[in-house]
PDB file of all heavy atoms in Angstrom:
ATOM      1  N   THR A   1      94.590  84.187  92.583  1.00  0.00           N
ATOM      2  CA  THR A   1      94.443  85.280  93.539  1.00  0.00           C
ATOM      3  C   THR A   1      94.001  84.725  94.888  1.00  0.00           C
ATOM      4  O   THR A   1      93.090  83.901  94.966  1.00  0.00           O
ATOM      5  CB  THR A   1      93.414  86.312  93.049  1.00  0.00           C
ATOM      6  OG1 THR A   1      92.233  85.633  92.611  1.00  0.00           O
ATOM      7  CG2 THR A   1      93.981  87.134  91.908  1.00  0.00           C
ATOM      8  N   TYR A   2      94.659  85.198  95.936  1.00  0.00           N
ATOM      9  CA  TYR A   2      94.350  84.791  97.320  1.00  0.00           C
ATOM     10  C   TYR A   2      94.061  86.059  98.107  1.00  0.00           C
ATOM     11  O   TYR A   2      94.945  86.875  98.356  1.00  0.00           O
ATOM     12  CB  TYR A   2      95.537  84.045  97.932  1.00  0.00           C
ATOM     13  CG  TYR A   2      95.270  83.493  99.322  1.00  0.00           C
ATOM     14  CD1 TYR A   2      94.916  82.170  99.499  1.00  0.00           C
ATOM     15  CD2 TYR A   2      95.352  84.306 100.450  1.00  0.00           C
ATOM     16  CE1 TYR A   2      94.662  81.651 100.765  1.00  0.00           C
ATOM     17  CE2 TYR A   2      95.097  83.807 101.717  1.00  0.00           C
ATOM     18  CZ  TYR A   2      94.758  82.478 101.873  1.00  0.00           C
ATOM     19  OH  TYR A   2      94.497  81.982 103.124  1.00  0.00           O
ATOM     20  N   LEU A   3      92.804  86.242  98.487  1.00  0.00           N
ATOM     21  CA  LEU A   3      92.372  87.483  99.128  1.00  0.00           C
ATOM     22  C   LEU A   3      91.988  87.249 100.576  1.00  0.00           C
ATOM     23  O   LEU A   3      91.051  86.494 100.874  1.00  0.00           O
ATOM     24  CB  LEU A   3      91.186  88.082  98.371  1.00  0.00           C
ATOM     25  CG  LEU A   3      90.565  89.348  98.974  1.00  0.00           C
ATOM     26  CD1 LEU A   3      91.583  90.487  99.028  1.00  0.00           C
ATOM     27  CD2 LEU A   3      89.332  89.768  98.193  1.00  0.00           C
ATOM     28  N   ASP A   4      92.672  87.913 101.478  1.00  0.00           N
ATOM     29  CA  ASP A   4      92.341  87.906 102.900  1.00  0.00           C
ATOM     30  C   ASP A   4      91.287  88.982 103.141  1.00  0.00           C
ATOM     31  O   ASP A   4      91.572  90.175 103.048  1.00  0.00           O
ATOM     32  CB  ASP A   4      93.616  88.185 103.713  1.00  0.00           C
ATOM     33  CG  ASP A   4      93.388  88.199 105.213  1.00  0.00           C
ATOM     34  OD1 ASP A   4      92.346  88.720 105.651  1.00  0.00           O
ATOM     35  OD2 ASP A   4      94.264  87.739 105.957  1.00  0.00           O
ATOM     36  N   GLU A   5      90.051  88.541 103.438  1.00  0.00           N
ATOM     37  CA  GLU A   5      88.930  89.462 103.695  1.00  0.00           C
ATOM     38  C   GLU A   5      88.601  89.530 105.189  1.00  0.00           C
ATOM     39  O   GLU A   5      87.458  89.848 105.558  1.00  0.00           O
ATOM     40  CB  GLU A   5      87.688  89.010 102.912  1.00  0.00           C
ATOM     41  CG  GLU A   5      87.690  89.417 101.449  1.00  0.00           C
ATOM     42  CD  GLU A   5      86.946  90.723 101.181  1.00  0.00           C
ATOM     43  OE1 GLU A   5      86.836  91.537 102.122  1.00  0.00           O
ATOM     44  OE2 GLU A   5      86.497  90.916 100.038  1.00  0.00           O
ATOM     45  N   VAL A   6      89.578  89.244 106.022  1.00  0.00           N
ATOM     46  CA  VAL A   6      89.347  89.186 107.465  1.00  0.00           C
ATOM     47  C   VAL A   6      88.693  90.461 107.993  1.00  0.00           C
ATOM     48  O   VAL A   6      87.780  90.405 108.830  1.00  0.00           O
ATOM     49  CB  VAL A   6      90.673  88.883 108.196  1.00  0.00           C
ATOM     50  CG1 VAL A   6      90.600  89.274 109.658  1.00  0.00           C
ATOM     51  CG2 VAL A   6      91.028  87.404 108.067  1.00  0.00           C
ATOM     52  N   HIS A   7      89.160  91.616 107.523  1.00  0.00           N
ATOM     53  CA  HIS A   7      88.615  92.884 108.014  1.00  0.00           C
ATOM     54  C   HIS A   7      87.576  93.465 107.059  1.00  0.00           C
ATOM     55  O   HIS A   7      87.208  94.633 107.183  1.00  0.00           O
ATOM     56  CB  HIS A   7      89.745  93.890 108.243  1.00  0.00           C
ATOM     57  CG  HIS A   7      90.700  93.470 109.307  1.00  0.00           C
ATOM     58  ND1 HIS A   7      90.486  93.725 110.642  1.00  0.00           N
ATOM     59  CD2 HIS A   7      91.862  92.777 109.232  1.00  0.00           C
ATOM     60  CE1 HIS A   7      91.493  93.218 111.349  1.00  0.00           C
ATOM     61  NE2 HIS A   7      92.337  92.642 110.516  1.00  0.00           N
ATOM     62  N   GLY A   8      87.089  92.643 106.130  1.00  0.00           N
ATOM     63  CA  GLY A   8      86.074  93.102 105.185  1.00  0.00           C
ATOM     64  C   GLY A   8      84.795  92.305 105.222  1.00  0.00           C
ATOM     65  O   GLY A   8      83.700  92.848 105.052  1.00  0.00           O
ATOM     66  N   VAL A   9      84.916  90.998 105.480  1.00  0.00           N
ATOM     67  CA  VAL A   9      83.729  90.145 105.427  1.00  0.00           C
ATOM     68  C   VAL A   9      82.755  90.524 106.544  1.00  0.00           C
ATOM     69  O   VAL A   9      83.146  90.832 107.668  1.00  0.00           O
ATOM     70  CB  VAL A   9      84.123  88.658 105.523  1.00  0.00           C
ATOM     71  CG1 VAL A   9      84.670  88.308 106.893  1.00  0.00           C
ATOM     72  CG2 VAL A   9      82.951  87.758 105.183  1.00  0.00           C
ATOM     73  N   GLY A  10      81.482  90.567 106.194  1.00  0.00           N
ATOM     74  CA  GLY A  10      80.439  90.976 107.129  1.00  0.00           C
ATOM     75  C   GLY A  10      80.237  92.470 107.194  1.00  0.00           C
ATOM     76  O   GLY A  10      79.175  92.945 107.616  1.00  0.00           O
ATOM     77  N   LEU A  11      81.255  93.231 106.745  1.00  0.00           N
ATOM     78  CA  LEU A  11      81.255  94.684 106.922  1.00  0.00           C
ATOM     79  C   LEU A  11      80.981  95.456 105.641  1.00  0.00           C
ATOM     80  O   LEU A  11      80.530  96.596 105.690  1.00  0.00           O
ATOM     81  CB  LEU A  11      82.614  95.131 107.481  1.00  0.00           C
ATOM     82  CG  LEU A  11      83.050  94.478 108.791  1.00  0.00           C
ATOM     83  CD1 LEU A  11      84.490  94.864 109.116  1.00  0.00           C
ATOM     84  CD2 LEU A  11      82.131  94.880 109.926  1.00  0.00           C
ATOM     85  N   TYR A  12      81.293  94.857 104.503  1.00  0.00           N
ATOM     86  CA  TYR A  12      81.163  95.543 103.216  1.00  0.00           C
ATOM     87  C   TYR A  12      80.465  94.622 102.224  1.00  0.00           C
ATOM     88  O   TYR A  12      80.455  93.404 102.374  1.00  0.00           O
ATOM     89  CB  TYR A  12      82.550  95.930 102.668  1.00  0.00           C
ATOM     90  CG  TYR A  12      83.303  96.896 103.550  1.00  0.00           C
ATOM     91  CD1 TYR A  12      84.173  96.436 104.539  1.00  0.00           C
ATOM     92  CD2 TYR A  12      83.153  98.269 103.405  1.00  0.00           C
ATOM     93  CE1 TYR A  12      84.860  97.317 105.354  1.00  0.00           C
ATOM     94  CE2 TYR A  12      83.836  99.159 104.212  1.00  0.00           C
ATOM     95  CZ  TYR A  12      84.688  98.680 105.192  1.00  0.00           C
ATOM     96  OH  TYR A  12      85.360  99.553 106.004  1.00  0.00           O
ATOM     97  N   GLY A  13      79.921  95.241 101.196  1.00  0.00           N
ATOM     98  CA  GLY A  13      79.350  94.478 100.103  1.00  0.00           C
ATOM     99  C   GLY A  13      77.948  93.979 100.369  1.00  0.00           C
ATOM    100  O   GLY A  13      77.468  93.973 101.507  1.00  0.00           O
ATOM    101  N   PRO A  14      77.271  93.532  99.292  1.00  0.00           N
ATOM    102  CA  PRO A  14      75.931  92.961  99.447  1.00  0.00           C
ATOM    103  C   PRO A  14      75.955  91.767 100.392  1.00  0.00           C
ATOM    104  O   PRO A  14      76.815  90.900 100.281  1.00  0.00           O
ATOM    105  CB  PRO A  14      75.577  92.525  98.012  1.00  0.00           C
ATOM    106  CG  PRO A  14      76.485  93.309  97.120  1.00  0.00           C
ATOM    107  CD  PRO A  14      77.736  93.529  97.898  1.00  0.00           C
ATOM    108  N   ARG A  15      75.044  91.753 101.353  1.00  0.00           N
ATOM    109  CA  ARG A  15      74.928  90.668 102.331  1.00  0.00           C
ATOM    110  C   ARG A  15      76.176  90.526 103.215  1.00  0.00           C
ATOM    111  O   ARG A  15      76.340  89.523 103.895  1.00  0.00           O
ATOM    112  CB  ARG A  15      74.624  89.331 101.654  1.00  0.00           C
ATOM    113  CG  ARG A  15      73.419  89.332 100.726  1.00  0.00           C
ATOM    114  CD  ARG A  15      73.051  87.932 100.294  1.00  0.00           C
ATOM    115  NE  ARG A  15      74.172  87.244  99.649  1.00  0.00           N
ATOM    116  CZ  ARG A  15      74.257  85.925  99.512  1.00  0.00           C
ATOM    117  NH1 ARG A  15      73.292  85.147  99.965  1.00  0.00           N
ATOM    118  NH2 ARG A  15      75.294  85.388  98.910  1.00  0.00           N
ATOM    119  N   GLY A  16      77.071  91.511 103.162  1.00  0.00           N
ATOM    120  CA  GLY A  16      78.299  91.417 103.950  1.00  0.00           C
ATOM    121  C   GLY A  16      79.320  90.474 103.356  1.00  0.00           C
ATOM    122  O   GLY A  16      80.157  89.918 104.071  1.00  0.00           O
ATOM    123  N   ALA A  17      79.289  90.294 102.040  1.00  0.00           N
ATOM    124  CA  ALA A  17      80.189  89.344 101.381  1.00  0.00           C
ATOM    125  C   ALA A  17      81.611  89.855 101.251  1.00  0.00           C
ATOM    126  O   ALA A  17      82.492  89.106 100.838  1.00  0.00           O
ATOM    127  CB  ALA A  17      79.646  88.968 100.008  1.00  0.00           C
ATOM    128  N   GLY A  18      81.861  91.127 101.600  1.00  0.00           N
ATOM    129  CA  GLY A  18      83.220  91.633 101.620  1.00  0.00           C
ATOM    130  C   GLY A  18      83.468  92.740 100.611  1.00  0.00           C
ATOM    131  O   GLY A  18      82.600  93.093  99.801  1.00  0.00           O
ATOM    132  N   VAL A  19      84.695  93.260 100.653  1.00  0.00           N
ATOM    133  CA  VAL A  19      85.066  94.379  99.780  1.00  0.00           C
ATOM    134  C   VAL A  19      85.072  93.941  98.315  1.00  0.00           C
ATOM    135  O   VAL A  19      84.669  94.695  97.431  1.00  0.00           O
ATOM    136  CB  VAL A  19      86.442  94.939 100.188  1.00  0.00           C
ATOM    137  CG1 VAL A  19      86.841  96.102  99.277  1.00  0.00           C
ATOM    138  CG2 VAL A  19      86.427  95.401 101.640  1.00  0.00           C
ATOM    139  N   ALA A  20      85.537  92.723  98.053  1.00  0.00           N
ATOM    140  CA  ALA A  20      85.550  92.234  96.669  1.00  0.00           C
ATOM    141  C   ALA A  20      84.140  92.197  96.092  1.00  0.00           C
ATOM    142  O   ALA A  20      83.928  92.527  94.917  1.00  0.00           O
ATOM    143  CB  ALA A  20      86.200  90.860  96.597  1.00  0.00           C
ATOM    144  N   ALA A  21      83.171  91.802  96.899  1.00  0.00           N
ATOM    145  CA  ALA A  21      81.777  91.795  96.446  1.00  0.00           C
ATOM    146  C   ALA A  21      81.276  93.219  96.247  1.00  0.00           C
ATOM    147  O   ALA A  21      80.551  93.503  95.287  1.00  0.00           O
ATOM    148  CB  ALA A  21      80.908  91.047  97.447  1.00  0.00           C
ATOM    149  N   ARG A  22      81.654  94.115  97.156  1.00  0.00           N
ATOM    150  CA  ARG A  22      81.278  95.528  97.004  1.00  0.00           C
ATOM    151  C   ARG A  22      81.767  96.081  95.671  1.00  0.00           C
ATOM    152  O   ARG A  22      81.072  96.859  94.999  1.00  0.00           O
ATOM    153  CB  ARG A  22      81.872  96.349  98.154  1.00  0.00           C
ATOM    154  CG  ARG A  22      81.539  97.827  98.116  1.00  0.00           C
ATOM    155  CD  ARG A  22      82.511  98.645  98.968  1.00  0.00           C
ATOM    156  NE  ARG A  22      83.850  98.681  98.379  1.00  0.00           N
ATOM    157  CZ  ARG A  22      84.877  99.346  98.904  1.00  0.00           C
ATOM    158  NH1 ARG A  22      84.731 100.013 100.052  1.00  0.00           N
ATOM    159  NH2 ARG A  22      86.061  99.345  98.298  1.00  0.00           N
ATOM    160  N   ASP A  23      82.979  95.681  95.285  1.00  0.00           N
ATOM    161  CA  ASP A  23      83.603  96.181  94.059  1.00  0.00           C
ATOM    162  C   ASP A  23      83.298  95.318  92.833  1.00  0.00           C
ATOM    163  O   ASP A  23      83.926  95.488  91.781  1.00  0.00           O
ATOM    164  CB  ASP A  23      85.121  96.257  94.251  1.00  0.00           C
ATOM    165  CG  ASP A  23      85.527  97.250  95.341  1.00  0.00           C
ATOM    166  OD1 ASP A  23      84.671  98.061  95.756  1.00  0.00           O
ATOM    167  OD2 ASP A  23      86.689  97.211  95.768  1.00  0.00           O
ATOM    168  N   ASN A  24      82.371  94.366  92.978  1.00  0.00           N
ATOM    169  CA  ASN A  24      81.989  93.460  91.886  1.00  0.00           C
ATOM    170  C   ASN A  24      83.183  92.678  91.339  1.00  0.00           C
ATOM    171  O   ASN A  24      83.296  92.441  90.126  1.00  0.00           O
ATOM    172  CB  ASN A  24      81.313  94.243  90.747  1.00  0.00           C
ATOM    173  CG  ASN A  24      80.012  94.892  91.165  1.00  0.00           C
ATOM    174  OD1 ASN A  24      79.167  94.250  91.789  1.00  0.00           O
ATOM    175  ND2 ASN A  24      79.846  96.171  90.855  1.00  0.00           N
ATOM    176  N   GLN A  25      84.052  92.230  92.248  1.00  0.00           N
ATOM    177  CA  GLN A  25      85.246  91.489  91.844  1.00  0.00           C
ATOM    178  C   GLN A  25      85.324  90.087  92.461  1.00  0.00           C
ATOM    179  O   GLN A  25      86.278  89.358  92.198  1.00  0.00           O
ATOM    180  CB  GLN A  25      86.508  92.275  92.252  1.00  0.00           C
ATOM    181  CG  GLN A  25      86.630  93.648  91.630  1.00  0.00           C
ATOM    182  CD  GLN A  25      86.732  93.589  90.117  1.00  0.00           C
ATOM    183  OE1 GLN A  25      87.532  92.850  89.561  1.00  0.00           O
ATOM    184  NE2 GLN A  25      85.901  94.374  89.440  1.00  0.00           N
ATOM    185  N   MET A  26      84.351  89.704  93.260  1.00  0.00           N
ATOM    186  CA  MET A  26      84.450  88.432  93.970  1.00  0.00           C
ATOM    187  C   MET A  26      84.565  87.244  93.012  1.00  0.00           C
ATOM    188  O   MET A  26      85.276  86.268  93.300  1.00  0.00           O
ATOM    189  CB  MET A  26      83.246  88.248  94.902  1.00  0.00           C
ATOM    190  CG  MET A  26      83.342  87.008  95.790  1.00  0.00           C
ATOM    191  SD  MET A  26      84.771  87.013  96.908  1.00  0.00           S
ATOM    192  CE  MET A  26      84.206  88.138  98.186  1.00  0.00           C
ATOM    193  N   HIS A  27      83.901  87.323  91.863  1.00  0.00           N
ATOM    194  CA  HIS A  27      83.960  86.218  90.902  1.00  0.00           C
ATOM    195  C   HIS A  27      85.348  86.039  90.311  1.00  0.00           C
ATOM    196  O   HIS A  27      85.665  84.983  89.748  1.00  0.00           O
ATOM    197  CB  HIS A  27      82.935  86.448  89.773  1.00  0.00           C
ATOM    198  CG  HIS A  27      83.216  87.675  88.948  1.00  0.00           C
ATOM    199  ND1 HIS A  27      83.002  88.958  89.424  1.00  0.00           N
ATOM    200  CD2 HIS A  27      83.711  87.820  87.687  1.00  0.00           C
ATOM    201  CE1 HIS A  27      83.324  89.842  88.489  1.00  0.00           C
ATOM    202  NE2 HIS A  27      83.768  89.177  87.433  1.00  0.00           N
ATOM    203  N   ARG A  28      86.200  87.052  90.447  1.00  0.00           N
ATOM    204  CA  ARG A  28      87.561  86.988  89.897  1.00  0.00           C
ATOM    205  C   ARG A  28      88.578  86.515  90.935  1.00  0.00           C
ATOM    206  O   ARG A  28      89.736  86.264  90.583  1.00  0.00           O
ATOM    207  CB  ARG A  28      87.964  88.359  89.360  1.00  0.00           C
ATOM    208  CG  ARG A  28      87.019  88.925  88.324  1.00  0.00           C
ATOM    209  CD  ARG A  28      87.429  90.316  87.905  1.00  0.00           C
ATOM    210  NE  ARG A  28      88.614  90.293  87.055  1.00  0.00           N
ATOM    211  CZ  ARG A  28      89.327  91.386  86.754  1.00  0.00           C
ATOM    212  NH1 ARG A  28      88.977  92.571  87.273  1.00  0.00           N
ATOM    213  NH2 ARG A  28      90.378  91.309  85.968  1.00  0.00           N
ATOM    214  N   VAL A  29      88.156  86.415  92.164  1.00  0.00           N
ATOM    215  CA  VAL A  29      89.045  85.978  93.245  1.00  0.00           C
ATOM    216  C   VAL A  29      88.970  84.455  93.350  1.00  0.00           C
ATOM    217  O   VAL A  29      87.898  83.889  93.512  1.00  0.00           O
ATOM    218  CB  VAL A  29      88.646  86.633  94.582  1.00  0.00           C
ATOM    219  CG1 VAL A  29      89.486  86.071  95.721  1.00  0.00           C
ATOM    220  CG2 VAL A  29      88.796  88.151  94.497  1.00  0.00           C
ATOM    221  N   ASP A  30      90.133  83.801  93.277  1.00  0.00           N
ATOM    222  CA  ASP A  30      90.152  82.337  93.312  1.00  0.00           C
ATOM    223  C   ASP A  30      89.934  81.785  94.717  1.00  0.00           C
ATOM    224  O   ASP A  30      89.199  80.813  94.902  1.00  0.00           O
ATOM    225  CB  ASP A  30      91.488  81.821  92.761  1.00  0.00           C
ATOM    226  CG  ASP A  30      91.657  82.137  91.291  1.00  0.00           C
ATOM    227  OD1 ASP A  30      90.854  81.639  90.488  1.00  0.00           O
ATOM    228  OD2 ASP A  30      92.579  82.905  90.949  1.00  0.00           O
ATOM    229  N   ILE A  31      90.574  82.400  95.704  1.00  0.00           N
ATOM    230  CA  ILE A  31      90.476  81.934  97.087  1.00  0.00           C
ATOM    231  C   ILE A  31      90.218  83.145  97.973  1.00  0.00           C
ATOM    232  O   ILE A  31      91.001  84.098  97.984  1.00  0.00           O
ATOM    233  CB  ILE A  31      91.778  81.247  97.562  1.00  0.00           C
ATOM    234  CG1 ILE A  31      92.210  80.171  96.566  1.00  0.00           C
ATOM    235  CG2 ILE A  31      91.598  80.649  98.954  1.00  0.00           C
ATOM    236  CD1 ILE A  31      93.685  79.824  96.657  1.00  0.00           C
ATOM    237  N   VAL A  32      89.117  83.118  98.701  1.00  0.00           N
ATOM    238  CA  VAL A  32      88.843  84.167  99.678  1.00  0.00           C
ATOM    239  C   VAL A  32      88.953  83.557 101.066  1.00  0.00           C
ATOM    240  O   VAL A  32      88.469  82.455 101.321  1.00  0.00           O
ATOM    241  CB  VAL A  32      87.458  84.817  99.448  1.00  0.00           C
ATOM    242  CG1 VAL A  32      86.336  83.802  99.531  1.00  0.00           C
ATOM    243  CG2 VAL A  32      87.217  85.948 100.447  1.00  0.00           C
ATOM    244  N   GLU A  33      89.642  84.275 101.946  1.00  0.00           N
ATOM    245  CA  GLU A  33      89.839  83.808 103.326  1.00  0.00           C
ATOM    246  C   GLU A  33      89.198  84.815 104.262  1.00  0.00           C
ATOM    247  O   GLU A  33      89.221  86.028 104.000  1.00  0.00           O
ATOM    248  CB  GLU A  33      91.335  83.670 103.616  1.00  0.00           C
ATOM    249  CG  GLU A  33      91.674  83.121 104.990  1.00  0.00           C
ATOM    250  CD  GLU A  33      91.833  84.199 106.054  1.00  0.00           C
ATOM    251  OE1 GLU A  33      91.945  85.387 105.682  1.00  0.00           O
ATOM    252  OE2 GLU A  33      91.840  83.857 107.261  1.00  0.00           O
ATOM    253  N   GLY A  34      88.585  84.308 105.326  1.00  0.00           N
ATOM    254  CA  GLY A  34      87.916  85.208 106.254  1.00  0.00           C
ATOM    255  C   GLY A  34      87.957  84.707 107.676  1.00  0.00           C
ATOM    256  O   GLY A  34      88.459  83.616 107.964  1.00  0.00           O
ATOM    257  N   THR A  35      87.416  85.515 108.554  1.00  0.00           N
ATOM    258  CA  THR A  35      87.345  85.176 109.974  1.00  0.00           C
ATOM    259  C   THR A  35      85.894  85.141 110.417  1.00  0.00           C
ATOM    260  O   THR A  35      85.026  85.798 109.829  1.00  0.00           O
ATOM    261  CB  THR A  35      88.119  86.187 110.826  1.00  0.00           C
ATOM    262  OG1 THR A  35      88.049  85.800 112.193  1.00  0.00           O
ATOM    263  CG2 THR A  35      87.529  87.588 110.700  1.00  0.00           C
ATOM    264  N   LEU A  36      85.657  84.393 111.475  1.00  0.00           N
ATOM    265  CA  LEU A  36      84.338  84.331 112.094  1.00  0.00           C
ATOM    266  C   LEU A  36      84.341  85.072 113.425  1.00  0.00           C
ATOM    267  O   LEU A  36      83.358  85.031 114.167  1.00  0.00           O
ATOM    268  CB  LEU A  36      83.942  82.869 112.308  1.00  0.00           C
ATOM    269  CG  LEU A  36      84.099  81.994 111.058  1.00  0.00           C
ATOM    270  CD1 LEU A  36      83.868  80.526 111.384  1.00  0.00           C
ATOM    271  CD2 LEU A  36      83.152  82.459 109.954  1.00  0.00           C
TER     272      LEU A  36
END
């Protein structure tokens, strides 16, 4: 799984870890990509 969290990181989830973290799915994502 390759998840683009560009519009999610910093904005959602615990500590701003993204939508996958909000949905308790980050551990199932193999590659997360984001922007600074």
